[in-house]
Amino acid sequence: MKRAISSAQRNQRGTALVEFALIIWLLVLLLVGVVDFGLVIREHQIMQNAAREGARFSGMNSIAHAIDPTATTNAIKGVVVDYLAQEGITIPASNVSVSQTQVIDFGGGETAMGSKITVTYSHPLLVANGWKFGPVTLGASAIFRNFYSE
């Protein structure tokens, strides 16, 4: 009886290693997916903060009375692009749209003018190489009230 048990144990010696070898690729893919998802969430939050910073800058009194509207728009876009660059995200200024004439409805017939900043960015996925996953396009926008008189 003892001889039969030891024979069965000898036949099972490498089973755990083989099972681990079969499942390790799935565990690595799952880990990379979780890390990639975390990076996407982080970058979306950074983009939201950059849009908020651009809208706040746009609503300030100091740039409202600029003589050249194109220079004002470029300055606002520069604030957003610089904020993203500090966090390691590089986008062209064309991915930032600026509207300083956004109507904000407070309800009850009260409205005010505001600045709306919209930012878009295409994040390449880590698991995209060789897979059918493509880049994820992230978007963020923020609206701040203009604190200057027209």
N, C-alpha and C. Protein backbone atom coordinates (compact mmCIF):
# COMPACT_ATOMS: atom_id res chain seq x y z
N MET A 1 0.83 -1.18 0.00
CA MET A 1 0.00 0.00 0.00
C MET A 1 0.88 1.26 0.00
N LYS A 2 1.95 1.21 0.84
CA LYS A 2 2.85 2.34 0.93
C LYS A 2 3.56 2.57 -0.40
N ARG A 3 3.88 1.52 -1.08
CA ARG A 3 4.56 1.62 -2.37
C ARG A 3 3.66 2.29 -3.41
N ALA A 4 2.37 2.06 -3.40
CA ALA A 4 1.42 2.67 -4.35
C ALA A 4 1.31 4.17 -4.13
N ILE A 5 1.32 4.63 -2.86
CA ILE A 5 1.22 6.05 -2.54
C ILE A 5 2.47 6.79 -3.00
N SER A 6 3.63 6.25 -2.75
CA SER A 6 4.86 6.93 -3.17
C SER A 6 4.98 6.96 -4.69
N SER A 7 4.48 5.97 -5.37
CA SER A 7 4.49 5.97 -6.83
C SER A 7 3.58 7.07 -7.37
N ALA A 8 2.43 7.28 -6.75
CA ALA A 8 1.50 8.33 -7.17
C ALA A 8 2.11 9.71 -6.90
N GLN A 9 2.84 9.86 -5.79
CA GLN A 9 3.48 11.13 -5.48
C GLN A 9 4.58 11.43 -6.48
N ARG A 10 5.31 10.44 -6.90
CA ARG A 10 6.38 10.64 -7.88
C ARG A 10 5.81 11.13 -9.21
N ASN A 11 4.65 10.66 -9.58
CA ASN A 11 4.03 11.06 -10.85
C ASN A 11 3.48 12.50 -10.79
N GLN A 12 3.32 13.08 -9.61
CA GLN A 12 2.75 14.41 -9.43
C GLN A 12 3.81 15.48 -9.18
N ARG A 13 5.07 15.15 -9.24
CA ARG A 13 6.13 16.09 -8.82
C ARG A 13 6.14 17.41 -9.57
N GLY A 14 6.02 17.47 -10.85
CA GLY A 14 6.13 18.72 -11.62
C GLY A 14 4.80 19.35 -11.96
N THR A 15 3.71 18.85 -11.41
CA THR A 15 2.39 19.35 -11.79
C THR A 15 2.18 20.81 -11.43
N ALA A 16 2.57 21.21 -10.25
CA ALA A 16 2.38 22.59 -9.83
C ALA A 16 3.17 23.55 -10.73
N LEU A 17 4.37 23.16 -11.10
CA LEU A 17 5.19 24.00 -11.97
C LEU A 17 4.56 24.11 -13.36
N VAL A 18 4.05 23.04 -13.88
CA VAL A 18 3.42 23.07 -15.20
C VAL A 18 2.15 23.91 -15.16
N GLU A 19 1.34 23.75 -14.12
CA GLU A 19 0.12 24.55 -13.99
C GLU A 19 0.46 26.03 -13.86
N PHE A 20 1.49 26.36 -13.11
CA PHE A 20 1.91 27.75 -12.97
C PHE A 20 2.39 28.31 -14.31
N ALA A 21 3.13 27.51 -15.06
CA ALA A 21 3.62 27.95 -16.37
C ALA A 21 2.47 28.20 -17.34
N LEU A 22 1.40 27.43 -17.21
CA LEU A 22 0.25 27.62 -18.08
C LEU A 22 -0.55 28.87 -17.72
N ILE A 23 -0.56 29.29 -16.47
CA ILE A 23 -1.40 30.39 -16.02
C ILE A 23 -0.64 31.70 -15.85
N ILE A 24 0.69 31.70 -15.86
CA ILE A 24 1.46 32.91 -15.59
C ILE A 24 1.21 34.01 -16.61
N TRP A 25 1.03 33.67 -17.88
CA TRP A 25 0.79 34.69 -18.90
C TRP A 25 -0.52 35.44 -18.64
N LEU A 26 -1.51 34.73 -18.14
CA LEU A 26 -2.78 35.37 -17.81
C LEU A 26 -2.62 36.31 -16.61
N LEU A 27 -1.86 35.91 -15.63
CA LEU A 27 -1.62 36.76 -14.46
C LEU A 27 -0.83 38.01 -14.84
N VAL A 28 0.15 37.88 -15.71
CA VAL A 28 0.94 39.03 -16.16
C VAL A 28 0.06 39.99 -16.96
N LEU A 29 -0.77 39.44 -17.85
CA LEU A 29 -1.68 40.28 -18.64
C LEU A 29 -2.66 41.02 -17.73
N LEU A 30 -3.15 40.36 -16.71
CA LEU A 30 -4.05 41.00 -15.75
C LEU A 30 -3.34 42.11 -14.99
N LEU A 31 -2.12 41.89 -14.57
CA LEU A 31 -1.35 42.90 -13.87
C LEU A 31 -1.09 44.12 -14.75
N VAL A 32 -0.69 43.89 -15.99
CA VAL A 32 -0.43 44.99 -16.91
C VAL A 32 -1.72 45.77 -17.18
N GLY A 33 -2.83 45.08 -17.31
CA GLY A 33 -4.12 45.74 -17.51
C GLY A 33 -4.51 46.62 -16.34
N VAL A 34 -4.29 46.16 -15.14
CA VAL A 34 -4.61 46.95 -13.95
C VAL A 34 -3.71 48.18 -13.87
N VAL A 35 -2.43 48.02 -14.15
CA VAL A 35 -1.50 49.16 -14.14
C VAL A 35 -1.89 50.16 -15.22
N ASP A 36 -2.23 49.68 -16.41
CA ASP A 36 -2.61 50.56 -17.51
C ASP A 36 -3.89 51.32 -17.18
N PHE A 37 -4.85 50.66 -16.59
CA PHE A 37 -6.09 51.31 -16.20
C PHE A 37 -5.81 52.40 -15.16
N GLY A 38 -4.93 52.13 -14.23
CA GLY A 38 -4.54 53.12 -13.24
C GLY A 38 -3.88 54.34 -13.88
N LEU A 39 -3.04 54.11 -14.89
CA LEU A 39 -2.40 55.22 -15.59
C LEU A 39 -3.42 56.07 -16.35
N VAL A 40 -4.41 55.42 -16.95
CA VAL A 40 -5.45 56.16 -17.67
C VAL A 40 -6.24 57.03 -16.70
N ILE A 41 -6.61 56.49 -15.55
CA ILE A 41 -7.34 57.26 -14.55
C ILE A 41 -6.50 58.44 -14.06
N ARG A 42 -5.22 58.20 -13.82
CA ARG A 42 -4.32 59.27 -13.38
C ARG A 42 -4.23 60.39 -14.41
N GLU A 43 -4.05 60.01 -15.67
CA GLU A 43 -3.92 61.02 -16.72
C GLU A 43 -5.22 61.78 -16.94
N HIS A 44 -6.35 61.12 -16.78
CA HIS A 44 -7.63 61.82 -16.90
C HIS A 44 -7.76 62.87 -15.80
N GLN A 45 -7.36 62.53 -14.60
CA GLN A 45 -7.42 63.48 -13.49
C GLN A 45 -6.48 64.67 -13.74
N ILE A 46 -5.30 64.40 -14.27
CA ILE A 46 -4.36 65.47 -14.59
C ILE A 46 -4.93 66.38 -15.67
N MET A 47 -5.57 65.79 -16.67
CA MET A 47 -6.19 66.59 -17.74
C MET A 47 -7.32 67.45 -17.19
N GLN A 48 -8.11 66.89 -16.28
CA GLN A 48 -9.19 67.66 -15.67
C GLN A 48 -8.63 68.85 -14.90
N ASN A 49 -7.55 68.63 -14.17
CA ASN A 49 -6.90 69.72 -13.43
C ASN A 49 -6.34 70.78 -14.38
N ALA A 50 -5.77 70.35 -15.51
CA ALA A 50 -5.21 71.30 -16.48
C ALA A 50 -6.32 72.14 -17.09
N ALA A 51 -7.45 71.52 -17.42
CA ALA A 51 -8.59 72.28 -17.97
C ALA A 51 -9.10 73.28 -16.94
N ARG A 52 -9.17 72.87 -15.69
CA ARG A 52 -9.61 73.75 -14.62
C ARG A 52 -8.65 74.94 -14.46
N GLU A 53 -7.36 74.64 -14.53
CA GLU A 53 -6.35 75.70 -14.40
C GLU A 53 -6.45 76.69 -15.57
N GLY A 54 -6.68 76.19 -16.78
CA GLY A 54 -6.85 77.06 -17.94
C GLY A 54 -8.10 77.91 -17.84
N ALA A 55 -9.20 77.32 -17.37
CA ALA A 55 -10.44 78.08 -17.22
C ALA A 55 -10.31 79.15 -16.14
N ARG A 56 -9.62 78.82 -15.06
CA ARG A 56 -9.40 79.81 -14.00
C ARG A 56 -8.55 80.97 -14.53
N PHE A 57 -7.49 80.63 -15.27
CA PHE A 57 -6.63 81.66 -15.86
C PHE A 57 -7.42 82.52 -16.85
N SER A 58 -8.30 81.90 -17.61
CA SER A 58 -9.08 82.61 -18.61
C SER A 58 -10.09 83.56 -17.96
N GLY A 59 -10.62 83.20 -16.82
CA GLY A 59 -11.61 84.03 -16.16
C GLY A 59 -11.03 85.18 -15.36
N MET A 60 -9.71 85.25 -15.30
CA MET A 60 -9.08 86.33 -14.53
C MET A 60 -9.18 87.67 -15.25
N ASN A 61 -9.18 88.74 -14.50
CA ASN A 61 -9.31 90.09 -15.04
C ASN A 61 -8.08 90.52 -15.82
N SER A 62 -6.91 90.04 -15.46
CA SER A 62 -5.67 90.54 -16.05
C SER A 62 -5.53 90.23 -17.54
N ILE A 63 -6.14 89.15 -18.01
CA ILE A 63 -6.01 88.83 -19.44
C ILE A 63 -7.26 89.18 -20.23
N ALA A 64 -8.29 89.63 -19.56
CA ALA A 64 -9.56 89.88 -20.23
C ALA A 64 -9.50 91.05 -21.18
N HIS A 65 -8.72 92.03 -20.87
CA HIS A 65 -8.69 93.25 -21.67
C HIS A 65 -7.51 93.27 -22.64
N ALA A 66 -7.07 92.13 -23.06
CA ALA A 66 -5.95 92.06 -24.00
C ALA A 66 -6.38 92.64 -25.35
N ILE A 67 -5.48 93.29 -25.98
CA ILE A 67 -5.78 93.91 -27.27
C ILE A 67 -5.90 92.86 -28.36
N ASP A 68 -5.09 91.83 -28.30
CA ASP A 68 -5.07 90.79 -29.33
C ASP A 68 -5.75 89.52 -28.81
N PRO A 69 -6.95 89.19 -29.31
CA PRO A 69 -7.65 87.98 -28.83
C PRO A 69 -6.89 86.69 -29.13
N THR A 70 -6.14 86.65 -30.22
CA THR A 70 -5.36 85.46 -30.56
C THR A 70 -4.26 85.24 -29.53
N ALA A 71 -3.63 86.31 -29.10
CA ALA A 71 -2.58 86.20 -28.08
C ALA A 71 -3.18 85.73 -26.77
N THR A 72 -4.39 86.20 -26.45
CA THR A 72 -5.07 85.77 -25.22
C THR A 72 -5.36 84.28 -25.28
N THR A 73 -5.90 83.82 -26.41
CA THR A 73 -6.20 82.39 -26.58
C THR A 73 -4.94 81.55 -26.50
N ASN A 74 -3.88 82.02 -27.13
CA ASN A 74 -2.60 81.29 -27.08
C ASN A 74 -2.03 81.25 -25.67
N ALA A 75 -2.22 82.32 -24.89
CA ALA A 75 -1.74 82.34 -23.51
C ALA A 75 -2.50 81.32 -22.66
N ILE A 76 -3.81 81.23 -22.89
CA ILE A 76 -4.63 80.27 -22.15
C ILE A 76 -4.22 78.85 -22.52
N LYS A 77 -4.06 78.60 -23.81
CA LYS A 77 -3.62 77.27 -24.26
C LYS A 77 -2.25 76.94 -23.69
N GLY A 78 -1.38 77.94 -23.61
CA GLY A 78 -0.04 77.74 -23.06
C GLY A 78 -0.08 77.31 -21.60
N VAL A 79 -1.02 77.87 -20.83
CA VAL A 79 -1.15 77.49 -19.42
C VAL A 79 -1.52 76.02 -19.32
N VAL A 80 -2.46 75.58 -20.15
CA VAL A 80 -2.91 74.18 -20.12
C VAL A 80 -1.80 73.23 -20.57
N VAL A 81 -1.13 73.56 -21.68
CA VAL A 81 -0.06 72.72 -22.21
C VAL A 81 1.10 72.64 -21.22
N ASP A 82 1.44 73.76 -20.59
CA ASP A 82 2.54 73.76 -19.60
C ASP A 82 2.19 72.93 -18.37
N TYR A 83 0.92 73.02 -17.93
CA TYR A 83 0.50 72.23 -16.78
C TYR A 83 0.63 70.74 -17.08
N LEU A 84 0.19 70.34 -18.27
CA LEU A 84 0.30 68.93 -18.66
C LEU A 84 1.75 68.50 -18.82
N ALA A 85 2.59 69.39 -19.34
CA ALA A 85 4.01 69.06 -19.53
C ALA A 85 4.71 68.82 -18.20
N GLN A 86 4.30 69.54 -17.15
CA GLN A 86 4.87 69.33 -15.82
C GLN A 86 4.58 67.92 -15.31
N GLU A 87 3.48 67.34 -15.77
CA GLU A 87 3.08 66.01 -15.34
C GLU A 87 3.49 64.92 -16.32
N GLY A 88 4.25 65.29 -17.35
CA GLY A 88 4.76 64.30 -18.29
C GLY A 88 3.83 63.98 -19.44
N ILE A 89 2.82 64.81 -19.68
CA ILE A 89 1.89 64.60 -20.80
C ILE A 89 2.15 65.68 -21.83
N THR A 90 2.48 65.28 -23.03
CA THR A 90 2.78 66.24 -24.08
C THR A 90 1.66 66.24 -25.10
N ILE A 91 1.03 67.40 -25.27
CA ILE A 91 -0.01 67.56 -26.29
C ILE A 91 0.26 68.83 -27.07
N PRO A 92 -0.21 68.89 -28.31
CA PRO A 92 -0.09 70.15 -29.05
C PRO A 92 -1.17 71.13 -28.58
N ALA A 93 -0.94 72.40 -28.80
CA ALA A 93 -1.91 73.42 -28.40
C ALA A 93 -3.23 73.27 -29.16
N SER A 94 -3.19 72.60 -30.31
CA SER A 94 -4.43 72.40 -31.08
C SER A 94 -5.40 71.44 -30.38
N ASN A 95 -4.94 70.70 -29.38
CA ASN A 95 -5.82 69.80 -28.62
C ASN A 95 -6.55 70.52 -27.50
N VAL A 96 -6.34 71.82 -27.39
CA VAL A 96 -7.01 72.62 -26.37
C VAL A 96 -7.93 73.61 -27.08
N SER A 97 -9.22 73.59 -26.71
CA SER A 97 -10.14 74.58 -27.28
C SER A 97 -10.57 75.54 -26.18
N VAL A 98 -10.69 76.81 -26.57
CA VAL A 98 -11.00 77.88 -25.62
C VAL A 98 -12.23 78.62 -26.10
N SER A 99 -13.18 78.79 -25.20
CA SER A 99 -14.36 79.62 -25.47
C SER A 99 -14.55 80.55 -24.28
N GLN A 100 -14.37 81.84 -24.49
CA GLN A 100 -14.54 82.81 -23.41
C GLN A 100 -15.94 83.40 -23.39
N THR A 101 -16.82 82.85 -24.18
CA THR A 101 -18.19 83.36 -24.26
C THR A 101 -19.21 82.27 -23.92
N GLN A 102 -18.87 81.41 -23.01
CA GLN A 102 -19.77 80.34 -22.58
C GLN A 102 -20.82 80.91 -21.63
N VAL A 103 -22.11 80.71 -21.95
CA VAL A 103 -23.18 81.20 -21.10
C VAL A 103 -23.40 80.19 -19.98
N ILE A 104 -23.37 80.68 -18.74
CA ILE A 104 -23.61 79.84 -17.57
C ILE A 104 -24.98 80.21 -17.03
N ASP A 105 -25.87 79.22 -16.95
CA ASP A 105 -27.23 79.44 -16.47
C ASP A 105 -27.31 79.05 -14.99
N PHE A 106 -27.62 80.03 -14.15
CA PHE A 106 -27.73 79.79 -12.72
C PHE A 106 -29.15 79.39 -12.31
N GLY A 107 -30.06 79.38 -13.25
CA GLY A 107 -31.46 79.08 -12.95
C GLY A 107 -32.20 80.35 -12.56
N GLY A 108 -33.50 80.34 -12.74
CA GLY A 108 -34.30 81.52 -12.38
C GLY A 108 -34.05 82.70 -13.31
N GLY A 109 -33.56 82.44 -14.50
CA GLY A 109 -33.32 83.50 -15.47
C GLY A 109 -31.99 84.23 -15.28
N GLU A 110 -31.18 83.84 -14.31
CA GLU A 110 -29.89 84.49 -14.10
C GLU A 110 -28.81 83.76 -14.88
N THR A 111 -28.04 84.53 -15.64
CA THR A 111 -26.95 83.96 -16.41
C THR A 111 -25.70 84.81 -16.23
N ALA A 112 -24.59 84.25 -16.60
CA ALA A 112 -23.30 84.96 -16.58
C ALA A 112 -22.45 84.40 -17.71
N MET A 113 -21.42 85.15 -18.07
CA MET A 113 -20.49 84.68 -19.09
C MET A 113 -19.35 83.94 -18.40
N GLY A 114 -18.89 82.91 -19.06
CA GLY A 114 -17.80 82.12 -18.50
C GLY A 114 -16.82 81.70 -19.57
N SER A 115 -15.78 81.04 -19.14
CA SER A 115 -14.76 80.51 -20.04
C SER A 115 -14.79 78.99 -19.96
N LYS A 116 -14.88 78.36 -21.11
CA LYS A 116 -14.89 76.90 -21.17
C LYS A 116 -13.62 76.43 -21.87
N ILE A 117 -12.90 75.54 -21.21
CA ILE A 117 -11.67 74.97 -21.76
C ILE A 117 -11.90 73.47 -21.93
N THR A 118 -11.60 72.96 -23.11
CA THR A 118 -11.73 71.53 -23.40
C THR A 118 -10.38 71.00 -23.86
N VAL A 119 -9.96 69.88 -23.29
CA VAL A 119 -8.67 69.28 -23.60
C VAL A 119 -8.90 67.84 -24.04
N THR A 120 -8.21 67.41 -25.10
CA THR A 120 -8.26 66.01 -25.54
C THR A 120 -6.84 65.46 -25.63
N TYR A 121 -6.74 64.16 -25.38
CA TYR A 121 -5.43 63.51 -25.38
C TYR A 121 -5.64 62.03 -25.71
N SER A 122 -4.75 61.47 -26.50
CA SER A 122 -4.82 60.06 -26.86
C SER A 122 -3.73 59.31 -26.09
N HIS A 123 -4.15 58.44 -25.18
CA HIS A 123 -3.22 57.68 -24.34
C HIS A 123 -2.98 56.30 -24.96
N PRO A 124 -1.73 55.98 -25.32
CA PRO A 124 -1.46 54.64 -25.85
C PRO A 124 -1.48 53.61 -24.71
N LEU A 125 -2.12 52.49 -24.97
CA LEU A 125 -2.21 51.44 -23.95
C LEU A 125 -0.95 50.58 -23.94
N LEU A 126 -0.59 50.07 -22.77
CA LEU A 126 0.58 49.21 -22.64
C LEU A 126 0.37 47.86 -23.33
N VAL A 127 -0.86 47.34 -23.28
CA VAL A 127 -1.14 46.03 -23.85
C VAL A 127 -1.56 46.12 -25.31
N ALA A 128 -1.43 47.28 -25.93
CA ALA A 128 -1.89 47.47 -27.30
C ALA A 128 -0.99 46.78 -28.33
N ASN A 129 0.28 46.58 -28.02
CA ASN A 129 1.20 45.99 -28.99
C ASN A 129 0.81 44.56 -29.29
N GLY A 130 0.42 44.31 -30.52
CA GLY A 130 0.07 42.96 -30.94
C GLY A 130 -1.36 42.58 -30.61
N TRP A 131 -2.10 43.45 -29.95
CA TRP A 131 -3.49 43.18 -29.61
C TRP A 131 -4.39 44.13 -30.37
N LYS A 132 -5.66 43.92 -30.30
CA LYS A 132 -6.60 44.78 -31.01
C LYS A 132 -7.02 45.99 -30.18
N PHE A 133 -6.33 46.23 -29.07
CA PHE A 133 -6.64 47.40 -28.26
C PHE A 133 -5.90 48.60 -28.85
N GLY A 134 -6.60 49.68 -29.01
CA GLY A 134 -5.96 50.88 -29.53
C GLY A 134 -5.78 51.90 -28.43
N PRO A 135 -5.34 53.08 -28.80
CA PRO A 135 -5.18 54.12 -27.78
C PRO A 135 -6.54 54.57 -27.25
N VAL A 136 -6.56 55.07 -26.04
CA VAL A 136 -7.77 55.58 -25.41
C VAL A 136 -7.74 57.10 -25.54
N THR A 137 -8.82 57.67 -26.07
CA THR A 137 -8.91 59.11 -26.19
C THR A 137 -9.58 59.66 -24.93
N LEU A 138 -8.84 60.50 -24.22
CA LEU A 138 -9.33 61.10 -22.99
C LEU A 138 -9.74 62.54 -23.27
N GLY A 139 -10.78 62.98 -22.60
CA GLY A 139 -11.23 64.35 -22.75
C GLY A 139 -11.60 64.94 -21.40
N ALA A 140 -11.37 66.22 -21.24
CA ALA A 140 -11.73 66.91 -20.00
C ALA A 140 -12.13 68.33 -20.35
N SER A 141 -13.05 68.87 -19.57
CA SER A 141 -13.44 70.26 -19.78
C SER A 141 -13.78 70.90 -18.44
N ALA A 142 -13.66 72.21 -18.41
CA ALA A 142 -13.97 72.97 -17.21
C ALA A 142 -14.54 74.32 -17.61
N ILE A 143 -15.47 74.81 -16.81
CA ILE A 143 -16.08 76.12 -17.05
C ILE A 143 -15.92 76.96 -15.78
N PHE A 144 -15.37 78.16 -15.94
CA PHE A 144 -15.25 79.10 -14.83
C PHE A 144 -15.93 80.40 -15.26
N ARG A 145 -16.53 81.05 -14.30
CA ARG A 145 -17.16 82.33 -14.56
C ARG A 145 -16.10 83.38 -14.83
N ASN A 146 -16.38 84.26 -15.82
CA ASN A 146 -15.49 85.38 -16.09
C ASN A 146 -15.69 86.45 -15.04
N PHE A 147 -14.63 86.85 -14.37
CA PHE A 147 -14.71 87.84 -13.31
C PHE A 147 -14.35 89.23 -13.80
N TYR A 148 -14.54 89.48 -15.05
CA TYR A 148 -14.27 90.79 -15.61
C TYR A 148 -15.53 91.26 -16.31
N SER A 149 -15.66 92.54 -16.48
CA SER A 149 -16.85 93.08 -17.15
C SER A 149 -16.53 93.22 -18.64
N GLU A 150 -17.53 92.94 -19.42
CA GLU A 150 -17.37 93.01 -20.89
C GLU A 150 -17.27 94.44 -21.35
